[in-house]
């Protein structure tokens, strides 16, 4: 179908008020007829995946203290086993990223999402039925694998379904549901033992499988497979009955034809492929190098030093701060833009990690001068608490949700599976490295030195954002792609 005729027909249907020479007028005319109700429904169904993965990430925090004191010697964890119980999820997730990259291109976004609920449920079932430590590990690896697939598929599914006016908000809901899941499992952990907690954690993935049965495949995937009629039906479901979806369909189809069909390694020479890939990988490395895992790891110690006796309740408070500010980021994402939020977030984290370094430095000085038996903690506790609040707020506003959102926006359709898999693999491998080497860094560089190193990477984040990252707010996926190729978008 001729895309120009489609555009003209759309504008005529609008009464011809808009200027037919500008692309924005066509987009505005189209978007004015769009109803978002079912799009929000599909987004809600898919973000049950990130919620499940939040439950997986948070599960170890309430479960480990119980499993280290459990009466059954076959299940009791020592310090090394407890460390693996926490971190083995990241290895499963790195493998899940690779599997997800292959699945989204082979069987599509919707089916990948439905299948990934199976290892979530199986993994928690293995944990519930565990007779020894190895069964606990297997359960964690399976839930980690599902988390890796989810962290790749859901941002992709949402960015390919949503139109440019709400894509930032819906894309940020991925991180929002992760932190909601983490907070949910912390809260449940106050009342439930580790087995009941695992039963509770398998509810979101079960709901995910049921809800996704009624949702469509993404129009871009269907068009890349040459299924135009199904793509129009999916768009009609997502955009409502009044929107002339043939126009959007024709626009996406044009971009798909321009790209060619399948991905070859020689495509990596194309600036439209390697530029966004480098940006995606760097975002994932920087996200983990901000020290988010280290701060979360340290949270309970910091609260204990501040004489905050209920350290498990303190974890819930940390979770609550994350939820509130990730929600704020989601609401302002399409107005403020990605770049501004990344810069604000990077600056806030650089200041707070520097302050953390100062706190640890002063603590070590006080320890060396304090008379034996005296605790010099309380007067400096406010500095640690304030630094932590600023850090978590900053992370939730930008570097938490935005790397995943940008990953889902910048890749051309044909390399989306491969490139997203590389990014997810990078993210989870870095998470594993940072978590596993954190204690060694603290020993080699001292606590203060480690946090000052994190502060330096936060400053690098800000410079990288200013120089390298393009603003994707308000642009269609095809226009973003054209920016990297150096052409004008459809």
Protein backbone atom coordinates (compact mmCIF):
# COMPACT_ATOMS: atom_id res chain seq x y z
CA UNK A 1 0.00 0.00 0.00
CA UNK A 2 1.33 3.45 -0.89
CA UNK A 3 2.26 5.21 2.33
CA UNK A 4 1.77 8.70 0.83
CA UNK A 5 -1.85 7.92 -0.11
CA UNK A 6 -2.42 6.59 3.40
CA UNK A 7 -1.09 9.80 4.92
CA UNK A 8 -3.22 11.95 2.64
CA UNK A 9 -6.33 9.89 3.43
CA UNK A 10 -5.69 10.24 7.15
CA UNK A 11 -5.30 14.00 6.95
CA UNK A 12 -8.40 14.36 4.77
CA UNK A 13 -10.33 12.36 7.35
CA UNK A 14 -9.15 14.88 9.94
CA UNK A 15 -10.68 17.68 7.92
CA UNK A 16 -7.39 18.94 6.51
CA UNK A 17 -6.87 21.46 9.32
CA UNK A 18 -3.26 20.47 9.85
CA UNK A 19 -0.34 21.43 7.68
CA UNK A 20 0.02 18.41 5.35
CA UNK A 21 3.72 19.10 4.74
CA UNK A 22 4.87 18.41 8.32
CA UNK A 23 5.27 14.91 9.66
CA UNK A 24 4.30 16.00 13.14
CA UNK A 25 0.87 17.03 11.89
CA UNK A 26 0.33 13.52 10.51
CA UNK A 27 1.42 11.92 13.75
CA UNK A 28 -0.73 14.30 15.82
CA UNK A 29 -3.73 13.68 13.59
CA UNK A 30 -3.26 9.93 13.98
CA UNK A 31 -2.59 10.00 17.73
CA UNK A 32 -5.65 12.19 18.35
CA UNK A 33 -7.78 9.21 17.28
CA UNK A 34 -5.93 6.66 19.41
CA UNK A 35 -7.54 5.14 22.54
CA UNK A 36 -4.98 3.82 25.05
CA UNK A 37 -7.18 1.62 27.28
CA UNK A 38 -6.23 -1.75 25.80
CA UNK A 39 -2.60 -0.69 25.35
CA UNK A 40 -2.44 -0.09 29.12
CA UNK A 41 -4.09 -3.48 29.67
CA UNK A 42 -1.46 -5.25 27.52
CA UNK A 43 1.34 -3.33 29.27
CA UNK A 44 -0.06 -4.33 32.68
CA UNK A 45 -0.21 -8.02 31.68
CA UNK A 46 3.42 -7.95 30.47
CA UNK A 47 4.83 -6.13 33.53
CA UNK A 48 3.72 -9.02 35.74
CA UNK A 49 7.00 -10.48 34.38
CA UNK A 50 9.25 -7.80 35.93
CA UNK A 51 7.20 -8.07 39.12
CA UNK A 52 8.00 -11.82 39.25
CA UNK A 53 11.65 -10.98 38.72
CA UNK A 54 11.50 -8.44 41.59
CA UNK A 55 10.20 -11.25 43.81
CA UNK A 56 13.19 -13.40 42.73
CA UNK A 57 15.74 -10.63 43.44
CA UNK A 58 14.24 -9.76 46.82
CA UNK A 59 13.62 -13.36 47.93
CA UNK A 60 17.15 -13.99 49.22
CA UNK A 61 17.03 -11.05 51.67
CA UNK A 62 14.35 -12.47 54.02
CA UNK A 63 15.13 -16.15 53.21
CA UNK A 64 18.92 -16.22 53.92
CA UNK A 65 18.69 -15.31 57.66
CA UNK A 66 16.16 -18.16 58.13
CA UNK A 67 18.14 -20.68 56.07
CA UNK A 68 21.37 -19.99 58.02
CA UNK A 69 19.60 -20.81 61.32
CA UNK A 70 17.28 -23.63 60.13
CA UNK A 71 17.14 -26.79 62.26
CA UNK A 72 17.47 -29.20 59.29
CA UNK A 73 21.25 -29.63 58.70
CA UNK A 74 20.69 -30.63 55.03
CA UNK A 75 19.25 -27.18 54.25
CA UNK A 76 21.37 -25.05 56.56
CA UNK A 77 23.54 -22.54 54.67
CA UNK A 78 27.01 -21.43 55.79
CA UNK A 79 28.38 -18.00 54.79
CA UNK A 80 29.79 -19.15 51.44
CA UNK A 81 26.60 -21.04 50.52
CA UNK A 82 24.48 -18.04 51.53
CA UNK A 83 26.58 -15.81 49.25
CA UNK A 84 26.01 -18.23 46.34
CA UNK A 85 22.30 -18.50 47.15
CA UNK A 86 22.10 -14.73 46.69
CA UNK A 87 24.35 -14.30 43.65
CA UNK A 88 23.73 -17.46 41.58
CA UNK A 89 20.53 -15.80 40.29
CA UNK A 90 22.66 -13.35 38.28
CA UNK A 91 24.40 -16.24 36.47
CA UNK A 92 21.04 -17.79 35.59
CA UNK A 93 19.84 -14.39 34.40
CA UNK A 94 22.90 -13.89 32.15
CA UNK A 95 22.12 -17.25 30.49
CA UNK A 96 18.44 -16.19 30.32
CA UNK A 97 19.45 -13.05 28.42
CA UNK A 98 21.09 -15.15 25.70
CA UNK A 99 18.14 -17.57 25.56
CA UNK A 100 15.68 -14.65 25.42
CA UNK A 101 17.54 -13.01 22.53
CA UNK A 102 17.17 -16.22 20.51
CA UNK A 103 13.53 -16.80 21.55
CA UNK A 104 12.18 -13.33 20.69
CA UNK A 105 13.37 -13.66 17.10
CA UNK A 106 12.30 -17.30 16.68
CA UNK A 107 8.90 -17.55 18.39
CA UNK A 108 8.02 -13.89 18.93
CA UNK A 109 7.67 -11.55 21.89
CA UNK A 110 4.34 -12.83 23.24
CA UNK A 111 5.20 -16.56 23.31
CA UNK A 112 8.65 -15.86 24.82
CA UNK A 113 6.90 -14.02 27.64
CA UNK A 114 4.44 -16.86 28.21
CA UNK A 115 7.18 -19.51 28.20
CA UNK A 116 9.36 -17.62 30.67
CA UNK A 117 6.68 -17.97 33.36
CA UNK A 118 7.39 -21.75 33.42
CA UNK A 119 10.96 -21.62 34.88
CA UNK A 120 9.71 -19.03 37.42
CA UNK A 121 7.05 -21.45 38.71
CA UNK A 122 9.28 -24.57 38.40
CA UNK A 123 12.13 -22.78 40.19
CA UNK A 124 9.98 -21.75 43.15
CA UNK A 125 8.45 -25.26 43.24
CA UNK A 126 11.97 -26.77 43.52
CA UNK A 127 12.75 -24.33 46.38
CA UNK A 128 9.47 -25.25 48.16
CA UNK A 129 10.26 -28.99 47.82
CA UNK A 130 14.00 -28.61 48.59
CA UNK A 131 15.62 -31.51 50.47
CA UNK A 132 19.21 -30.21 50.26
CA UNK A 133 21.28 -27.12 49.41
CA UNK A 134 21.69 -28.16 45.75
CA UNK A 135 17.91 -28.10 45.25
CA UNK A 136 17.89 -24.55 46.64
CA UNK A 137 20.62 -23.60 44.13
CA UNK A 138 18.72 -25.25 41.24
CA UNK A 139 15.56 -23.33 42.15
CA UNK A 140 17.52 -20.07 42.23
CA UNK A 141 19.17 -20.78 38.85
CA UNK A 142 15.79 -21.58 37.22
CA UNK A 143 14.16 -18.41 38.60
CA UNK A 144 17.29 -16.48 37.53
CA UNK A 145 16.99 -17.89 33.99
CA UNK A 146 13.37 -16.73 33.83
CA UNK A 147 14.40 -13.29 35.17
CA UNK A 148 16.98 -12.94 32.38
CA UNK A 149 14.44 -13.77 29.67
CA UNK A 150 11.93 -11.38 31.27
CA UNK A 151 14.40 -8.49 31.56
CA UNK A 152 14.95 -8.76 27.79
CA UNK A 153 11.45 -9.55 26.46
CA UNK A 154 9.24 -7.17 28.46
CA UNK A 155 11.01 -3.86 27.56
CA UNK A 156 10.98 -5.02 23.93
CA UNK A 157 7.30 -6.01 24.00
CA UNK A 158 6.26 -2.68 25.55
CA UNK A 159 8.38 -0.45 23.27
CA UNK A 160 7.07 -2.22 20.14
CA UNK A 161 3.44 -1.93 21.25
CA UNK A 162 3.38 1.58 22.66
CA UNK A 163 3.23 4.77 20.59
CA UNK A 164 5.72 7.57 21.18
CA UNK A 165 3.53 9.65 23.53
CA UNK A 166 3.37 6.99 26.27
CA UNK A 167 6.35 4.76 25.46
CA UNK A 168 8.61 6.34 28.12
CA UNK A 169 6.01 6.03 30.87
CA UNK A 170 5.07 2.44 30.02
CA UNK A 171 8.74 1.47 29.51
CA UNK A 172 9.58 2.85 32.98
CA UNK A 173 6.87 0.65 34.49
CA UNK A 174 9.25 -2.29 33.94
CA UNK A 175 11.63 -1.00 36.65
CA UNK A 176 8.69 0.18 38.76
CA UNK A 177 7.28 -3.35 38.89
CA UNK A 178 10.72 -4.81 39.69
CA UNK A 179 11.05 -2.55 42.76
CA UNK A 180 7.40 -3.20 43.68
CA UNK A 181 8.16 -6.93 43.55
CA UNK A 182 11.25 -6.47 45.75
CA UNK A 183 9.25 -4.43 48.26
CA UNK A 184 6.39 -6.95 48.13
CA UNK A 185 8.71 -9.82 49.04
CA UNK A 186 10.35 -7.78 51.84
CA UNK A 187 6.89 -7.04 53.28
CA UNK A 188 5.73 -10.65 52.92
CA UNK A 189 9.01 -11.76 54.54
CA UNK A 190 8.00 -9.96 57.75
CA UNK A 191 5.06 -12.37 58.13
CA UNK A 192 5.87 -15.58 56.19
CA UNK A 193 8.57 -18.24 56.48
CA UNK A 194 10.82 -19.02 53.48
CA UNK A 195 8.62 -21.84 52.08
CA UNK A 196 5.40 -19.83 52.18
CA UNK A 197 7.32 -16.89 50.73
CA UNK A 198 8.29 -19.09 47.73
CA UNK A 199 4.62 -20.10 47.27
CA UNK A 200 3.63 -16.43 47.41
CA UNK A 201 6.38 -15.57 44.86
CA UNK A 202 4.99 -18.00 42.28
CA UNK A 203 1.63 -16.13 42.05
CA UNK A 204 2.76 -13.24 39.72
CA UNK A 205 4.30 -15.57 37.05
CA UNK A 206 1.16 -17.74 37.07
CA UNK A 207 -0.97 -14.63 36.49
CA UNK A 208 1.46 -13.53 33.75
CA UNK A 209 0.88 -16.74 31.79
CA UNK A 210 -2.91 -16.50 32.08
CA UNK A 211 -3.14 -12.77 31.20
CA UNK A 212 -0.76 -12.98 28.21
CA UNK A 213 -3.05 -15.55 26.54
CA UNK A 214 -5.47 -12.70 25.80
CA UNK A 215 -2.90 -10.15 24.58
CA UNK A 216 -1.66 -9.62 20.99
CA UNK A 217 1.81 -10.18 19.50
CA UNK A 218 3.61 -6.89 18.71
CA UNK A 219 2.77 -5.34 15.31
CA UNK A 220 6.47 -4.84 14.46
CA UNK A 221 7.29 -8.52 14.96
CA UNK A 222 4.27 -9.58 12.87
CA UNK A 223 5.26 -7.21 10.04
CA UNK A 224 8.87 -8.43 10.15
CA UNK A 225 7.39 -11.91 9.57
CA UNK A 226 5.30 -10.61 6.65
CA UNK A 227 1.96 -11.02 8.50
CA UNK A 228 0.29 -7.75 7.59
CA UNK A 229 -3.31 -8.73 8.35
CA UNK A 230 -2.43 -9.95 11.87
CA UNK A 231 -0.36 -6.79 12.45
CA UNK A 232 -3.36 -4.60 11.56
CA UNK A 233 -5.57 -6.61 13.93
CA UNK A 234 -2.99 -6.22 16.72
CA UNK A 235 -2.81 -2.45 16.07
CA UNK A 236 -6.60 -2.21 16.03
CA UNK A 237 -6.68 -3.92 19.45
CA UNK A 238 -3.97 -1.58 20.83
CA UNK A 239 -5.05 1.72 19.25
CA UNK A 240 -8.85 1.41 19.51
CA UNK A 241 -11.54 1.23 16.78
CA UNK A 242 -11.27 4.86 15.54
CA UNK A 243 -7.54 5.03 14.66
CA UNK A 244 -6.70 4.50 10.95
CA UNK A 245 -4.12 1.80 11.77
CA UNK A 246 -3.25 1.19 8.09
CA UNK A 247 -1.18 4.38 8.23
CA UNK A 248 0.95 3.23 11.19
CA UNK A 249 1.18 -0.23 9.63
CA UNK A 250 2.45 1.21 6.34
CA UNK A 251 5.00 3.37 8.15
CA UNK A 252 6.44 0.42 10.11
CA UNK A 253 6.39 -1.75 6.97
CA UNK A 254 8.40 0.86 5.07
CA UNK A 255 11.10 0.79 7.76
CA UNK A 256 11.14 -3.04 7.78
CA UNK A 257 11.55 -3.21 3.98
CA UNK A 258 14.38 -0.66 4.09
CA UNK A 259 16.28 -2.82 6.60
CA UNK A 260 16.06 -6.16 4.83
CA UNK A 261 14.92 -9.28 6.61
CA UNK A 262 17.37 -11.12 8.82
CA UNK A 263 20.43 -10.23 10.86
CA UNK A 264 23.94 -11.13 9.66
CA UNK A 265 27.20 -10.41 11.50
CA UNK A 266 28.24 -8.12 8.63
CA UNK A 267 25.41 -5.78 9.78
CA UNK A 268 27.63 -4.81 12.72
CA UNK A 269 29.56 -2.55 10.31
CA UNK A 270 26.39 -0.48 9.83
CA UNK A 271 26.40 2.67 12.06
CA UNK A 272 22.64 2.13 12.51
CA UNK A 273 23.56 -1.10 14.34
CA UNK A 274 26.94 -0.64 16.04
CA UNK A 275 26.29 2.86 17.45
CA UNK A 276 23.14 1.89 19.41
CA UNK A 277 24.80 -1.42 20.42
CA UNK A 278 27.80 0.39 21.96
CA UNK A 279 25.43 2.81 23.76
CA UNK A 280 23.32 -0.10 25.06
CA UNK A 281 26.36 -2.02 26.37
CA UNK A 282 27.90 1.07 28.03
CA UNK A 283 24.59 1.94 29.72
CA UNK A 284 24.42 -1.54 31.23
CA UNK A 285 28.06 -1.45 32.44
CA UNK A 286 27.60 2.01 33.96
CA UNK A 287 24.29 1.03 35.61
CA UNK A 288 26.00 -1.74 37.59
CA UNK A 289 29.17 0.33 38.26
CA UNK A 290 27.16 3.02 40.08
CA UNK A 291 27.39 0.71 43.10
CA UNK A 292 23.65 0.08 43.45
CA UNK A 293 24.18 -3.55 44.49
CA UNK A 294 26.86 -2.55 46.98
CA UNK A 295 24.58 0.02 48.62
CA UNK A 296 21.68 -2.44 48.81
CA UNK A 297 24.10 -5.03 50.19
CA UNK A 298 25.24 -2.55 52.84
CA UNK A 299 21.77 -1.22 53.69
CA UNK A 300 21.14 -3.40 56.74
CA UNK A 301 24.62 -2.72 58.21
CA UNK A 302 24.13 1.02 57.79
CA UNK A 303 20.78 0.90 59.57
CA UNK A 304 22.27 -1.18 62.37
CA UNK A 305 25.11 1.33 62.80
CA UNK A 306 22.50 4.09 62.99
CA UNK A 307 20.98 2.15 65.93
CA UNK A 308 17.91 1.40 63.82
CA UNK A 309 17.06 -1.90 65.50
CA UNK A 310 14.48 -3.24 63.02
CA UNK A 311 16.83 -3.73 60.08
CA UNK A 312 14.29 -5.88 58.16
CA UNK A 313 11.77 -3.03 58.47
CA UNK A 314 14.54 -0.70 57.23
CA UNK A 315 14.76 -2.81 54.05
CA UNK A 316 11.05 -2.19 53.48
CA UNK A 317 11.66 1.57 53.87
CA UNK A 318 14.48 1.40 51.27
CA UNK A 319 12.09 -0.50 48.97
CA UNK A 320 9.42 2.14 49.49
CA UNK A 321 11.80 5.00 48.54
CA UNK A 322 12.65 3.09 45.34
CA UNK A 323 9.00 2.51 44.45
CA UNK A 324 7.98 6.14 45.02
CA UNK A 325 10.80 7.67 42.95
CA UNK A 326 10.63 5.08 40.16
CA UNK A 327 6.92 5.98 39.90
CA UNK A 328 7.85 9.69 39.75
CA UNK A 329 10.35 8.89 36.94
CA UNK A 330 7.66 6.96 35.03
CA UNK A 331 5.24 9.90 35.27
CA UNK A 332 7.73 12.54 34.05
CA UNK A 333 9.70 10.36 31.57
CA UNK A 334 7.85 11.54 28.44
CA UNK A 335 7.88 15.19 29.54
CA UNK A 336 11.39 15.63 30.98
CA UNK A 337 13.12 13.29 28.53
CA UNK A 338 15.60 10.50 29.11
CA UNK A 339 18.82 12.50 28.90
CA UNK A 340 17.95 15.12 31.55
CA UNK A 341 16.87 12.45 34.04
CA UNK A 342 20.06 10.42 33.46
CA UNK A 343 22.21 13.52 34.14
CA UNK A 344 20.27 14.50 37.32
CA UNK A 345 20.42 10.88 38.49
CA UNK A 346 24.19 10.59 37.81
CA UNK A 347 24.96 13.84 39.67
CA UNK A 348 22.84 12.79 42.70
CA UNK A 349 24.61 9.42 42.87
CA UNK A 350 28.08 10.98 42.46
CA UNK A 351 27.39 13.34 45.39
CA UNK A 352 25.95 10.61 47.62
CA UNK A 353 28.71 8.03 46.96
CA UNK A 354 31.32 10.73 47.67
CA UNK A 355 29.51 11.46 50.96
CA UNK A 356 29.47 7.73 51.73
CA UNK A 357 33.23 7.63 51.18
CA UNK A 358 33.63 10.58 53.57
CA UNK A 359 31.45 8.76 56.14
CA UNK A 360 33.58 5.60 55.99
CA UNK A 361 36.80 7.64 56.06
CA UNK A 362 35.69 9.59 59.15
CA UNK A 363 34.52 6.37 60.80
CA UNK A 364 37.93 4.76 60.29
CA UNK A 365 39.64 7.88 61.70
CA UNK A 366 37.33 7.86 64.74
CA UNK A 367 37.94 4.14 65.25
CA UNK A 368 41.69 4.66 65.30
CA UNK A 369 41.47 7.51 67.85
CA UNK A 370 38.57 6.30 70.03
CA UNK A 371 39.44 4.73 73.40
CA UNK A 372 38.90 0.93 73.48
CA UNK A 373 35.33 -0.18 74.14
CA UNK A 374 33.72 3.09 73.01
CA UNK A 375 31.46 3.19 69.97
CA UNK A 376 31.82 6.42 67.93
CA UNK A 377 28.85 5.60 65.65
CA UNK A 378 25.77 7.56 66.50
CA UNK A 379 26.89 11.11 65.72
CA UNK A 380 27.77 10.26 62.09
CA UNK A 381 24.89 7.91 61.38
CA UNK A 382 22.82 10.74 59.87
CA UNK A 383 25.45 11.16 57.10
CA UNK A 384 25.14 7.51 56.07
CA UNK A 385 21.34 7.58 56.16
CA UNK A 386 21.15 10.85 54.18
CA UNK A 387 23.67 9.57 51.60
CA UNK A 388 21.70 6.38 51.17
CA UNK A 389 18.37 8.18 50.73
CA UNK A 390 19.88 10.54 48.10
CA UNK A 391 21.57 7.63 46.29
CA UNK A 392 18.45 5.46 46.08
CA UNK A 393 16.33 8.45 45.02
CA UNK A 394 18.85 9.35 42.29
CA UNK A 395 19.12 5.77 41.02
CA UNK A 396 15.34 5.31 40.91
CA UNK A 397 14.87 8.56 38.96
CA UNK A 398 17.26 7.75 36.12
CA UNK A 399 19.86 5.01 36.06
CA UNK A 400 17.37 2.42 37.37
CA UNK A 401 14.67 2.51 34.67
CA UNK A 402 16.28 4.37 31.73
CA UNK A 403 19.01 1.94 30.53
CA UNK A 404 16.31 -0.73 30.05
CA UNK A 405 14.02 1.78 28.32
CA UNK A 406 16.73 3.02 25.92
CA UNK A 407 17.77 -0.59 25.20
CA UNK A 408 14.23 -1.28 24.02
CA UNK A 409 14.10 1.86 21.84
CA UNK A 410 17.35 2.19 19.91
CA UNK A 411 17.86 -1.11 18.02
CA UNK A 412 16.54 -1.78 14.49
CA UNK A 413 13.92 -4.59 14.35
CA UNK A 414 16.17 -7.17 12.72
CA UNK A 415 18.97 -6.91 15.36
CA UNK A 416 16.67 -6.33 18.33
CA UNK A 417 16.92 -9.92 19.61
CA UNK A 418 20.71 -10.21 19.22
CA UNK A 419 21.57 -6.71 20.48
CA UNK A 420 19.21 -6.88 23.47
CA UNK A 421 20.71 -10.28 24.40
CA UNK A 422 24.22 -8.76 24.40
CA UNK A 423 23.01 -5.90 26.64
CA UNK A 424 21.21 -8.18 29.09
CA UNK A 425 24.21 -10.54 29.25
CA UNK A 426 26.48 -7.53 29.95
CA UNK A 427 24.18 -6.23 32.69
CA UNK A 428 23.85 -9.51 34.58
CA UNK A 429 27.55 -10.42 34.18
CA UNK A 430 28.49 -7.02 35.62
CA UNK A 431 25.96 -7.50 38.45
CA UNK A 432 27.60 -10.84 39.28
CA UNK A 433 31.12 -9.35 39.12
CA UNK A 434 30.29 -6.31 41.27
CA UNK A 435 28.41 -8.38 43.88
CA UNK A 436 31.07 -11.10 44.07
CA UNK A 437 34.13 -8.80 44.13
CA UNK A 438 32.61 -6.16 46.43
CA UNK A 439 34.10 -7.64 49.64
CA UNK A 440 37.55 -7.93 47.99
CA UNK A 441 37.33 -4.30 46.80
CA UNK A 442 36.47 -3.20 50.33
CA UNK A 443 39.56 -5.04 51.62
CA UNK A 444 41.93 -3.79 48.90
CA UNK A 445 40.72 -0.17 48.57
CA UNK A 446 39.13 0.29 52.04
CA UNK A 447 35.42 1.15 52.35
CA UNK A 448 36.04 4.83 51.62
CA UNK A 449 38.17 4.08 48.54
CA UNK A 450 35.52 1.72 47.13
CA UNK A 451 32.76 4.31 47.39
CA UNK A 452 34.99 7.02 45.92
CA UNK A 453 35.62 4.66 42.99
CA UNK A 454 31.84 4.39 42.55
CA UNK A 455 31.65 8.21 42.69
CA UNK A 456 34.20 8.43 39.83
CA UNK A 457 32.12 6.04 37.69
CA UNK A 458 29.01 8.15 38.41
CA UNK A 459 30.87 11.24 37.10
CA UNK A 460 31.87 9.24 34.00
CA UNK A 461 28.17 8.27 33.62
CA UNK A 462 27.21 11.93 33.44
CA UNK A 463 29.92 12.78 30.86
CA UNK A 464 28.96 9.73 28.76
CA UNK A 465 25.28 10.74 28.87
CA UNK A 466 25.99 14.32 27.78
CA UNK A 467 28.28 13.33 24.91
CA UNK A 468 26.91 10.06 23.52
CA UNK A 469 23.24 9.51 24.28
CA UNK A 470 20.61 10.94 21.88
CA UNK A 471 17.23 12.08 23.25
CA UNK A 472 14.53 9.56 22.25
CA UNK A 473 11.56 11.35 23.83
CA UNK A 474 8.59 11.84 21.48
CA UNK A 475 10.18 10.01 18.52
CA UNK A 476 8.86 6.88 16.83
CA UNK A 477 11.15 3.83 16.89
CA UNK A 478 11.69 4.33 13.15
CA UNK A 479 12.79 7.96 13.65
CA UNK A 480 15.25 6.90 16.41
CA UNK A 481 16.69 4.30 14.05
CA UNK A 482 17.07 6.90 11.29
CA UNK A 483 18.97 9.22 13.71
CA UNK A 484 21.71 6.60 14.10
CA UNK A 485 21.80 5.93 10.37
CA UNK A 486 22.05 9.64 9.61
CA UNK A 487 18.89 9.73 7.48
CA UNK A 488 15.49 11.34 8.12
CA UNK A 489 12.90 9.04 9.64
CA UNK A 490 9.61 7.89 8.09
